[in-house]
C-alpha atoms as a PDB file:
ATOM      1  CA  MET A   1       0.000   0.000   0.000  1.00  0.00           C
ATOM      2  CA  GLN A   2       1.362   3.392  -1.038  1.00  0.00           C
ATOM      3  CA  PRO A   3       1.483   6.197   1.528  1.00  0.00           C
ATOM      4  CA  VAL A   4      -1.109   8.970   1.467  1.00  0.00           C
ATOM      5  CA  GLU A   5       0.119  12.205  -0.116  1.00  0.00           C
ATOM      6  CA  ILE A   6      -1.567  15.511   0.754  1.00  0.00           C
ATOM      7  CA  VAL A   7      -1.517  18.470  -1.632  1.00  0.00           C
ATOM      8  CA  GLU A   8      -3.091  21.902  -1.484  1.00  0.00           C
ATOM      9  CA  ALA A   9      -5.513  22.049  -4.399  1.00  0.00           C
ATOM     10  CA  ASP A  10      -4.961  24.461  -7.266  1.00  0.00           C
ATOM     11  CA  LEU A  11      -8.420  25.093  -8.721  1.00  0.00           C
ATOM     12  CA  ASN A  12      -6.839  26.215 -11.991  1.00  0.00           C
ATOM     13  CA  ARG A  13      -5.613  22.648 -12.594  1.00  0.00           C
ATOM     14  CA  ALA A  14      -8.148  20.419 -14.351  1.00  0.00           C
ATOM     15  CA  ALA A  15      -7.028  17.341 -12.378  1.00  0.00           C
ATOM     16  CA  HIS A  16      -7.674  19.109  -9.068  1.00  0.00           C
ATOM     17  CA  GLN A  17     -11.026  20.425 -10.302  1.00  0.00           C
ATOM     18  CA  HIS A  18     -12.072  16.897 -11.268  1.00  0.00           C
ATOM     19  CA  ALA A  19     -10.880  15.517  -7.914  1.00  0.00           C
ATOM     20  CA  VAL A  20     -12.825  18.142  -5.927  1.00  0.00           C
ATOM     21  CA  VAL A  21     -16.073  17.463  -7.797  1.00  0.00           C
ATOM     22  CA  LYS A  22     -15.594  13.683  -7.565  1.00  0.00           C
ATOM     23  CA  LEU A  23     -14.850  13.743  -3.829  1.00  0.00           C
ATOM     24  CA  ILE A  24     -17.600  16.197  -2.877  1.00  0.00           C
ATOM     25  CA  ASP A  25     -20.093  14.187  -4.939  1.00  0.00           C
ATOM     26  CA  ALA A  26     -18.957  10.972  -3.198  1.00  0.00           C
ATOM     27  CA  TYR A  27     -19.324  12.718   0.162  1.00  0.00           C
ATOM     28  CA  ALA A  28     -22.808  13.945  -0.770  1.00  0.00           C
ATOM     29  CA  ARG A  29     -23.813  10.368  -1.686  1.00  0.00           C
ATOM     30  CA  ASP A  30     -22.523   9.000   1.615  1.00  0.00           C
ATOM     31  CA  PRO A  31     -24.847   8.690   4.629  1.00  0.00           C
ATOM     32  CA  MET A  32     -22.540  11.221   6.347  1.00  0.00           C
ATOM     33  CA  GLY A  33     -23.444  13.679   3.602  1.00  0.00           C
ATOM     34  CA  ASN A  34     -26.932  13.990   2.158  1.00  0.00           C
ATOM     35  CA  GLY A  35     -27.246  10.380   1.043  1.00  0.00           C
ATOM     36  CA  LYS A  36     -27.775  11.491  -2.547  1.00  0.00           C
ATOM     37  CA  PRO A  37     -25.551  12.730  -5.379  1.00  0.00           C
ATOM     38  CA  LEU A  38     -24.931  16.349  -6.236  1.00  0.00           C
ATOM     39  CA  SER A  39     -27.263  17.630  -8.931  1.00  0.00           C
ATOM     40  CA  ALA A  40     -25.822  18.189 -12.396  1.00  0.00           C
ATOM     41  CA  ASP A  41     -26.234  21.948 -11.870  1.00  0.00           C
ATOM     42  CA  THR A  42     -24.298  21.797  -8.594  1.00  0.00           C
ATOM     43  CA  ARG A  43     -21.505  19.730 -10.170  1.00  0.00           C
ATOM     44  CA  ARG A  44     -21.193  22.312 -12.976  1.00  0.00           C
ATOM     45  CA  ALA A  45     -21.289  25.315 -10.608  1.00  0.00           C
ATOM     46  CA  LEU A  46     -19.069  23.936  -7.827  1.00  0.00           C
ATOM     47  CA  ILE A  47     -15.626  24.774  -9.212  1.00  0.00           C
ATOM     48  CA  PRO A  48     -16.521  28.257 -10.537  1.00  0.00           C
ATOM     49  CA  GLY A  49     -18.188  29.024  -7.212  1.00  0.00           C
ATOM     50  CA  LEU A  50     -15.176  27.868  -5.200  1.00  0.00           C
ATOM     51  CA  GLN A  51     -12.826  29.795  -7.496  1.00  0.00           C
ATOM     52  CA  GLN A  52     -14.850  32.969  -6.991  1.00  0.00           C
ATOM     53  CA  HIS A  53     -15.066  32.558  -3.218  1.00  0.00           C
ATOM     54  CA  PRO A  54     -12.073  34.523  -1.888  1.00  0.00           C
ATOM     55  CA  THR A  55     -11.462  32.413   1.219  1.00  0.00           C
ATOM     56  CA  THR A  56     -11.428  28.892  -0.241  1.00  0.00           C
ATOM     57  CA  VAL A  57      -8.624  26.561   0.895  1.00  0.00           C
ATOM     58  CA  ILE A  58      -8.701  22.910  -0.194  1.00  0.00           C
ATOM     59  CA  PHE A  59      -6.447  19.958   0.532  1.00  0.00           C
ATOM     60  CA  LEU A  60      -6.605  16.704  -1.416  1.00  0.00           C
ATOM     61  CA  ALA A  61      -5.397  13.286  -0.298  1.00  0.00           C
ATOM     62  CA  TYR A  62      -3.915  11.031  -2.979  1.00  0.00           C
ATOM     63  CA  GLN A  63      -2.950   7.381  -2.803  1.00  0.00           C
ATOM     64  CA  GLU A  64      -1.385   5.545  -5.728  1.00  0.00           C
ATOM     65  CA  GLY A  65      -2.182   8.576  -7.913  1.00  0.00           C
ATOM     66  CA  ASN A  66      -5.894   8.557  -7.086  1.00  0.00           C
ATOM     67  CA  ALA A  67      -7.732  11.296  -5.180  1.00  0.00           C
ATOM     68  CA  ILE A  68      -9.160   9.609  -2.066  1.00  0.00           C
ATOM     69  CA  GLY A  69      -9.933  12.433   0.374  1.00  0.00           C
ATOM     70  CA  ILE A  70     -10.651  16.121   0.744  1.00  0.00           C
ATOM     71  CA  ALA A  71     -10.616  18.863   3.353  1.00  0.00           C
ATOM     72  CA  LEU A  72     -12.551  21.817   1.945  1.00  0.00           C
ATOM     73  CA  CYS A  73     -12.050  24.903   4.097  1.00  0.00           C
ATOM     74  CA  PHE A  74     -13.051  28.539   4.254  1.00  0.00           C
ATOM     75  CA  LEU A  75     -11.344  31.350   6.113  1.00  0.00           C
ATOM     76  CA  GLY A  76     -13.199  33.497   8.604  1.00  0.00           C
ATOM     77  CA  PHE A  77     -12.401  35.817  11.468  1.00  0.00           C
ATOM     78  CA  SER A  78     -12.578  35.337  15.237  1.00  0.00           C
ATOM     79  CA  THR A  79     -13.952  38.398  16.951  1.00  0.00           C
ATOM     80  CA  PHE A  80     -12.901  37.009  20.346  1.00  0.00           C
ATOM     81  CA  ALA A  81      -9.258  36.634  19.327  1.00  0.00           C
ATOM     82  CA  ALA A  82      -9.201  39.340  16.616  1.00  0.00           C
ATOM     83  CA  ARG A  83      -7.435  36.861  14.352  1.00  0.00           C
ATOM     84  CA  PRO A  84      -8.321  34.840  11.278  1.00  0.00           C
ATOM     85  CA  LEU A  85      -9.769  31.360  11.625  1.00  0.00           C
ATOM     86  CA  ILE A  86     -10.085  28.428   9.281  1.00  0.00           C
ATOM     87  CA  ASN A  87     -13.255  26.364   9.065  1.00  0.00           C
ATOM     88  CA  ILE A  88     -13.144  22.793   7.789  1.00  0.00           C
ATOM     89  CA  HIS A  89     -16.451  22.797   5.968  1.00  0.00           C
ATOM     90  CA  ASP A  90     -16.190  19.338   4.388  1.00  0.00           C
ATOM     91  CA  LEU A  91     -13.887  16.507   5.426  1.00  0.00           C
ATOM     92  CA  ALA A  92     -14.301  13.265   3.526  1.00  0.00           C
ATOM     93  CA  VAL A  93     -12.405  10.124   2.565  1.00  0.00           C
ATOM     94  CA  LEU A  94     -13.726   7.597   0.065  1.00  0.00           C
ATOM     95  CA  PRO A  95     -15.218   4.573   1.864  1.00  0.00           C
ATOM     96  CA  ALA A  96     -12.693   2.106   0.399  1.00  0.00           C
ATOM     97  CA  ASN A  97      -9.814   4.228   1.745  1.00  0.00           C
ATOM     98  CA  ARG A  98     -11.038   4.915   5.265  1.00  0.00           C
ATOM     99  CA  GLY A  99      -9.076   3.746   8.258  1.00  0.00           C
ATOM    100  CA  GLN A 100      -5.691   4.350   6.623  1.00  0.00           C
ATOM    101  CA  GLY A 101      -4.934   7.752   8.137  1.00  0.00           C
ATOM    102  CA  ALA A 102      -6.002   9.979   5.233  1.00  0.00           C
ATOM    103  CA  ALA A 103      -8.409  12.057   7.347  1.00  0.00           C
ATOM    104  CA  ARG A 104      -5.733  12.546  10.002  1.00  0.00           C
ATOM    105  CA  ARG A 105      -3.226  13.649   7.356  1.00  0.00           C
ATOM    106  CA  LEU A 106      -5.756  16.092   5.863  1.00  0.00           C
ATOM    107  CA  ILE A 107      -6.436  17.604   9.294  1.00  0.00           C
ATOM    108  CA  GLU A 108      -2.694  17.928   9.933  1.00  0.00           C
ATOM    109  CA  ALA A 109      -2.301  19.772   6.605  1.00  0.00           C
ATOM    110  CA  VAL A 110      -5.096  22.178   7.542  1.00  0.00           C
ATOM    111  CA  GLU A 111      -3.467  22.741  10.919  1.00  0.00           C
ATOM    112  CA  ARG A 112      -0.117  23.566   9.263  1.00  0.00           C
ATOM    113  CA  LYS A 113      -1.845  26.012   6.923  1.00  0.00           C
ATOM    114  CA  ALA A 114      -3.708  27.574   9.862  1.00  0.00           C
ATOM    115  CA  ARG A 115      -0.425  28.151  11.672  1.00  0.00           C
ATOM    116  CA  GLU A 116       1.218  29.609   8.535  1.00  0.00           C
ATOM    117  CA  MET A 117      -1.679  32.043   8.153  1.00  0.00           C
ATOM    118  CA  GLY A 118      -1.798  32.990  11.834  1.00  0.00           C
ATOM    119  CA  CYS A 119      -5.221  31.443  12.328  1.00  0.00           C
ATOM    120  CA  CYS A 120      -6.278  30.867  15.905  1.00  0.00           C
ATOM    121  CA  PHE A 121      -9.313  28.641  15.395  1.00  0.00           C
ATOM    122  CA  LYS A 122      -9.906  25.641  13.274  1.00  0.00           C
ATOM    123  CA  SER A 123     -13.501  24.534  13.291  1.00  0.00           C
ATOM    124  CA  ARG A 124     -15.907  22.062  11.839  1.00  0.00           C
ATOM    125  CA  ARG A 125     -19.640  22.203  11.508  1.00  0.00           C
ATOM    126  CA  ALA A 126     -21.447  20.791  14.515  1.00  0.00           C
ATOM    127  CA  ARG A 127     -23.315  18.269  12.338  1.00  0.00           C
ATOM    128  CA  GLU A 128     -20.102  16.466  11.544  1.00  0.00           C
ATOM    129  CA  LEU A 129     -19.201  15.907  15.193  1.00  0.00           C
ATOM    130  CA  ALA A 130     -21.388  12.829  15.259  1.00  0.00           C
ATOM    131  CA  ASN A 131     -19.991  11.092  12.160  1.00  0.00           C
ATOM    132  CA  THR A 132     -17.061   8.765  11.703  1.00  0.00           C
ATOM    133  CA  ALA A 133     -14.629  11.620  11.090  1.00  0.00           C
ATOM    134  CA  ASP A 134     -14.914  12.063  14.858  1.00  0.00           C
ATOM    135  CA  ALA A 135     -12.976   8.813  15.310  1.00  0.00           C
ATOM    136  CA  ALA A 136     -10.231   9.961  12.942  1.00  0.00           C
ATOM    137  CA  ASN A 137      -9.848  13.206  14.817  1.00  0.00           C
ATOM    138  CA  ARG A 138      -9.788  11.445  18.185  1.00  0.00           C
ATOM    139  CA  ALA A 139      -7.137   9.050  16.873  1.00  0.00           C
ATOM    140  CA  ALA A 140      -5.054  12.030  15.822  1.00  0.00           C
ATOM    141  CA  GLY A 141      -5.358  13.387  19.368  1.00  0.00           C
ATOM    142  CA  LEU A 142      -7.040  16.549  18.141  1.00  0.00           C
ATOM    143  CA  TRP A 143     -10.095  16.750  20.373  1.00  0.00           C
ATOM    144  CA  ARG A 144     -11.121  16.722  23.978  1.00  0.00           C
ATOM    145  CA  ARG A 145     -14.661  17.033  25.292  1.00  0.00           C
ATOM    146  CA  VAL A 146     -15.786  20.142  27.105  1.00  0.00           C
ATOM    147  CA  PRO A 147     -19.084  20.722  28.928  1.00  0.00           C
ATOM    148  CA  ILE A 148     -21.988  22.054  26.879  1.00  0.00           C
ATOM    149  CA  LYS A 149     -22.063  25.304  28.876  1.00  0.00           C
ATOM    150  CA  GLU A 150     -18.565  26.098  27.554  1.00  0.00           C
ATOM    151  CA  SER A 151     -19.591  25.563  23.958  1.00  0.00           C
ATOM    152  CA  SER A 152     -23.190  26.701  23.852  1.00  0.00           C
ATOM    153  CA  MET A 153     -22.524  28.724  20.711  1.00  0.00           C
ATOM    154  CA  ILE A 154     -22.698  25.523  18.663  1.00  0.00           C
ATOM    155  CA  GLY A 155     -25.399  23.919  20.776  1.00  0.00           C
ATOM    156  CA  LEU A 156     -23.575  20.761  21.859  1.00  0.00           C
ATOM    157  CA  ALA A 157     -20.393  19.671  23.547  1.00  0.00           C
ATOM    158  CA  ALA A 158     -17.572  20.759  21.286  1.00  0.00           C
ATOM    159  CA  HIS A 159     -14.174  19.201  21.040  1.00  0.00           C
ATOM    160  CA  ILE A 160     -11.359  21.665  21.575  1.00  0.00           C
ATOM    161  CA  ARG A 161      -7.734  21.878  22.465  1.00  0.00           C
ATOM    162  CA  ALA A 162      -5.306  24.743  22.607  1.00  0.00           C
ATOM    163  CA  LEU A 163      -2.796  24.879  19.802  1.00  0.00           C
ATOM    164  CA  PRO A 164       0.325  23.645  21.617  1.00  0.00           C
ATOM    165  CA  ASP A 165       2.643  26.513  20.781  1.00  0.00           C
ATOM    166  CA  GLU A 166       0.265  29.294  21.843  1.00  0.00           C
ATOM    167  CA  SER A 167       1.126  31.235  25.004  1.00  0.00           C
ATOM    168  CA  THR A 168      -1.088  30.622  28.019  1.00  0.00           C
ATOM    169  CA  GLU A 169      -2.145  34.280  28.129  1.00  0.00           C
ATOM    170  CA  ASP A 170      -3.255  34.341  24.506  1.00  0.00           C
ATOM    171  CA  GLN A 171      -4.728  30.852  24.175  1.00  0.00           C
ATOM    172  CA  CYS A 172      -6.516  30.150  20.951  1.00  0.00           C
ATOM    173  CA  TYR A 173      -8.679  27.099  20.624  1.00  0.00           C
ATOM    174  CA  ARG A 174      -9.864  25.189  17.705  1.00  0.00           C
ATOM    175  CA  TYR A 175     -13.440  24.083  17.841  1.00  0.00           C
ATOM    176  CA  MET A 176     -14.058  20.878  16.032  1.00  0.00           C
END
């Protein structure tokens, strides 16, 4: 088995465009997504829409030359820390390739990018906390549970940890 390679997507490259559409469509079909494929209109509009969105950041996981996973992210801003944040909007690995560390490697790539950009938060939509990506993130040691009262802004117990190289006075957390 070949190792998993992670690359930051270039949406001007046809191969990366094809990989993004393929992986997001596979995710949409999965029970963790919508359980149904993307519409033809959505497949046609996805790449132009992502290219036009000024905060898009995408990482692709490849194994043996095939795209097997994606972390599709958008940048935002934390008003509490007055710093940028990065939101992992979609995190998916093809079913046949799960359990091999691709999700962990994608999350690590997003974390490196977040540090490079000075981001203080890395977050995921609350809906995804309950899916199997949760196990990948736990295996990577990325989450710890906190009481609901500490994370009421997303309506359920979030998983957070301080980025290890942040000072204790200026702690930034990533909400997963």
